[in-house]
N, C-alpha and C. Protein backbone atom coordinates (compact mmCIF):
# COMPACT_ATOMS: atom_id res chain seq x y z
N MET A 1 -14.33 93.92 -7.99
CA MET A 1 -15.68 93.61 -8.20
C MET A 1 -16.66 93.97 -6.66
N VAL A 2 -15.83 93.38 -5.33
CA VAL A 2 -16.34 94.16 -4.35
C VAL A 2 -16.93 95.64 -4.27
N LYS A 3 -16.06 96.45 -5.21
CA LYS A 3 -16.54 97.94 -5.34
C LYS A 3 -17.95 98.12 -5.60
N GLU A 4 -18.25 97.00 -6.91
CA GLU A 4 -19.85 97.02 -7.18
C GLU A 4 -20.77 96.63 -6.53
N VAL A 5 -20.18 96.16 -5.44
CA VAL A 5 -21.08 95.90 -4.37
C VAL A 5 -21.90 96.80 -4.07
N GLU A 6 -21.19 97.72 -3.77
CA GLU A 6 -21.82 99.28 -3.13
C GLU A 6 -23.59 99.85 -3.75
N HIS A 7 -23.19 99.32 -5.28
CA HIS A 7 -24.53 99.44 -5.83
C HIS A 7 -25.17 98.57 -6.54
N ALA A 8 -25.69 97.53 -5.89
CA ALA A 8 -26.15 96.33 -5.99
C ALA A 8 -27.43 96.80 -5.95
N GLN A 9 -28.19 96.37 -7.08
CA GLN A 9 -29.83 96.75 -7.13
C GLN A 9 -30.62 95.89 -5.90
N SER A 10 -30.24 94.97 -5.53
CA SER A 10 -31.24 94.05 -5.08
C SER A 10 -30.38 93.14 -4.02
N LYS A 11 -30.90 92.49 -3.41
CA LYS A 11 -30.19 91.45 -2.34
C LYS A 11 -29.52 90.44 -3.05
N ALA A 12 -30.32 89.86 -4.04
CA ALA A 12 -30.00 88.75 -5.36
C ALA A 12 -28.30 89.46 -5.64
N ASP A 13 -28.30 90.79 -6.36
CA ASP A 13 -27.54 90.98 -7.07
C ASP A 13 -26.46 91.18 -6.23
N PHE A 14 -26.57 91.57 -4.73
CA PHE A 14 -25.68 91.56 -3.56
C PHE A 14 -24.50 90.59 -3.81
N ILE A 15 -25.68 89.21 -3.41
CA ILE A 15 -25.03 88.02 -3.33
C ILE A 15 -24.27 87.46 -4.61
N HIS A 16 -24.82 87.60 -5.55
CA HIS A 16 -24.10 87.68 -6.88
C HIS A 16 -23.16 88.10 -7.23
N LYS A 17 -22.65 89.55 -6.76
CA LYS A 17 -21.42 90.47 -7.05
C LYS A 17 -20.25 89.73 -6.21
N MET A 18 -20.60 89.68 -4.54
CA MET A 18 -20.19 89.29 -3.48
C MET A 18 -19.41 87.44 -4.24
N SER A 19 -20.51 86.65 -4.89
CA SER A 19 -20.21 85.60 -4.53
C SER A 19 -19.18 85.29 -6.36
N ILE A 20 -19.16 86.28 -6.95
CA ILE A 20 -18.09 87.00 -8.54
C ILE A 20 -16.87 86.68 -7.75
N ALA A 21 -16.22 87.85 -6.65
CA ALA A 21 -15.51 88.13 -6.06
C ALA A 21 -14.60 87.20 -5.43
N LEU A 22 -15.55 86.12 -4.31
CA LEU A 22 -15.09 85.29 -3.81
C LEU A 22 -14.50 84.00 -5.09
N LYS A 23 -15.37 83.97 -6.01
CA LYS A 23 -14.89 82.90 -7.28
C LYS A 23 -13.10 83.56 -7.70
N GLU A 24 -13.40 84.91 -8.13
CA GLU A 24 -11.87 85.66 -8.42
C GLU A 24 -10.81 85.58 -7.03
N ALA A 25 -11.20 85.43 -6.11
CA ALA A 25 -10.03 85.47 -5.19
C ALA A 25 -9.82 84.07 -4.84
N ASN A 26 -10.24 82.86 -5.17
CA ASN A 26 -10.12 81.77 -5.58
C ASN A 26 -9.32 81.73 -6.27
N GLU A 27 -9.15 82.08 -7.32
CA GLU A 27 -8.61 81.98 -8.97
C GLU A 27 -7.30 82.73 -8.69
N THR A 28 -7.21 83.82 -7.84
CA THR A 28 -5.94 84.11 -7.21
C THR A 28 -5.27 83.60 -6.79
N GLU A 29 -6.00 83.09 -5.73
CA GLU A 29 -5.29 82.24 -5.11
C GLU A 29 -4.71 80.76 -5.53
N TYR A 30 -5.18 80.00 -6.21
CA TYR A 30 -4.83 79.51 -7.74
C TYR A 30 -3.54 79.74 -8.50
N TRP A 31 -3.75 80.47 -9.05
CA TRP A 31 -2.01 81.49 -9.67
C TRP A 31 -1.08 81.53 -9.16
N LEU A 32 -1.28 82.35 -7.86
CA LEU A 32 -0.14 82.52 -7.01
C LEU A 32 0.61 81.24 -6.59
N MET A 33 -0.18 80.05 -6.30
CA MET A 33 0.32 78.56 -5.73
C MET A 33 1.27 78.39 -7.26
N LEU A 34 0.61 78.31 -8.45
CA LEU A 34 1.18 77.97 -9.80
C LEU A 34 2.58 78.94 -9.79
N LEU A 35 2.39 80.29 -9.36
CA LEU A 35 3.70 80.89 -9.67
C LEU A 35 4.94 80.65 -8.48
N LYS A 36 4.37 80.04 -7.82
CA LYS A 36 5.22 79.40 -6.92
C LYS A 36 5.80 78.22 -7.26
N ASP A 37 5.10 77.61 -7.69
CA ASP A 37 4.89 75.92 -8.05
C ASP A 37 5.86 76.06 -8.98
N SER A 38 6.19 76.94 -9.78
CA SER A 38 6.97 77.37 -11.49
C SER A 38 8.41 77.60 -10.87
N ASP A 39 8.60 78.43 -9.59
CA ASP A 39 9.72 78.72 -9.16
C ASP A 39 9.96 80.61 -9.89
N TYR A 40 8.46 81.00 -10.35
CA TYR A 40 8.41 82.25 -11.30
C TYR A 40 8.53 83.28 -9.95
N ARG A 41 8.16 82.75 -8.67
CA ARG A 41 7.74 83.65 -7.52
C ARG A 41 8.50 83.13 -6.50
N SER A 42 9.47 83.39 -5.69
CA SER A 42 10.10 82.88 -4.53
C SER A 42 9.33 82.29 -3.42
N GLN A 43 9.74 81.60 -2.53
CA GLN A 43 8.83 81.45 -1.15
C GLN A 43 8.23 82.61 -0.44
N THR A 44 9.39 82.83 -0.43
CA THR A 44 9.59 84.30 0.54
C THR A 44 8.24 84.86 0.01
N SER A 45 8.54 85.36 -1.27
CA SER A 45 7.49 86.27 -1.93
C SER A 45 6.09 85.79 -1.65
N TYR A 46 5.69 84.32 -2.01
CA TYR A 46 4.52 83.66 -1.40
C TYR A 46 4.37 83.75 -0.11
N ASN A 47 4.68 83.99 0.67
CA ASN A 47 4.35 83.58 1.98
C ASN A 47 3.90 84.97 2.37
N SER A 48 4.67 86.35 1.92
CA SER A 48 4.20 87.44 2.18
C SER A 48 2.85 87.79 1.86
N ILE A 49 2.19 87.48 0.61
CA ILE A 49 1.26 87.55 -0.04
C ILE A 49 -0.09 86.47 0.36
N PHE A 50 0.66 84.97 0.33
CA PHE A 50 -0.59 84.01 0.76
C PHE A 50 -1.44 84.35 2.08
N PRO A 51 -1.14 84.95 3.05
CA PRO A 51 -2.05 84.85 4.38
C PRO A 51 -3.19 86.42 3.99
N ASP A 52 -2.77 86.96 3.28
CA ASP A 52 -3.61 87.85 2.52
C ASP A 52 -4.73 87.56 1.86
N ILE A 53 -4.42 86.60 0.57
CA ILE A 53 -5.78 86.46 -0.26
C ILE A 53 -6.38 84.82 0.24
N SER A 54 -5.53 83.99 1.53
CA SER A 54 -6.57 83.54 2.26
C SER A 54 -7.41 83.95 3.35
N GLU A 55 -7.13 85.03 3.81
CA GLU A 55 -7.95 85.69 4.46
C GLU A 55 -8.73 86.62 3.84
N LEU A 56 -8.84 87.23 2.58
CA LEU A 56 -9.72 87.40 1.91
C LEU A 56 -10.78 86.50 1.31
N ILE A 57 -10.16 85.49 1.22
CA ILE A 57 -11.01 84.06 0.53
C ILE A 57 -12.29 84.19 2.14
N LYS A 58 -11.94 84.13 3.19
CA LYS A 58 -12.54 83.48 4.55
C LYS A 58 -13.25 84.45 4.78
N LEU A 59 -13.25 85.57 4.63
CA LEU A 59 -13.91 86.89 4.58
C LEU A 59 -15.17 87.33 3.84
N LEU A 60 -14.92 86.70 2.63
CA LEU A 60 -15.75 87.08 1.39
C LEU A 60 -16.72 85.49 1.51
N ALA A 61 -16.51 84.33 1.98
CA ALA A 61 -16.95 83.29 2.34
C ALA A 61 -18.10 83.69 3.35
N SER A 62 -17.34 84.24 4.23
CA SER A 62 -18.41 84.37 5.68
C SER A 62 -19.34 85.26 5.13
N ILE A 63 -19.66 85.85 4.19
CA ILE A 63 -20.50 86.83 3.95
C ILE A 63 -21.66 86.33 2.81
N VAL A 64 -20.85 85.83 1.86
CA VAL A 64 -21.77 85.07 0.74
C VAL A 64 -22.57 83.55 1.50
N LYS A 65 -21.77 82.98 2.02
CA LYS A 65 -22.33 81.96 2.46
C LYS A 65 -23.81 81.98 3.56
N PRO A 66 -23.82 83.01 4.57
CA PRO A 66 -24.51 83.27 5.38
C PRO A 66 -25.93 83.66 4.26
N SER A 67 -25.33 84.94 3.60
CA SER A 67 -26.67 85.74 2.32
C SER A 67 -27.07 84.58 1.89
N LYS A 68 -26.72 84.13 1.24
CA LYS A 68 -27.63 82.92 0.39
C LYS A 68 -28.38 82.30 0.98
N LYS A 69 -28.31 81.57 2.68
CA LYS A 69 -29.46 81.05 3.38
C LYS A 69 -30.44 81.82 3.71
N ILE A 70 -30.00 83.63 3.69
CA ILE A 70 -30.58 84.44 4.29
C ILE A 70 -32.10 84.79 3.04
N ASN A 71 -31.52 84.45 1.85
CA ASN A 71 -32.08 84.96 0.88
C ASN A 71 -32.95 83.80 0.01
N LYS A 72 -32.89 82.89 0.82
CA LYS A 72 -33.79 81.65 0.28
C LYS A 72 -35.53 81.65 0.28
């Protein structure tokens, strides 16, 4: 989804697409936790992936939140 932002047609479209990317990243984090909790993925595997998705969520949130304030 973030790749699509390159071709956003307006600021509102940019915010919308980035918000979707944030939502998808949050959902990915949720599924990773479920995979770990169900023992489908090992704790080691989870620990190697979780920091990346966590950082991605922080990055996307740091873009979306201020963009929404500016676009009001």
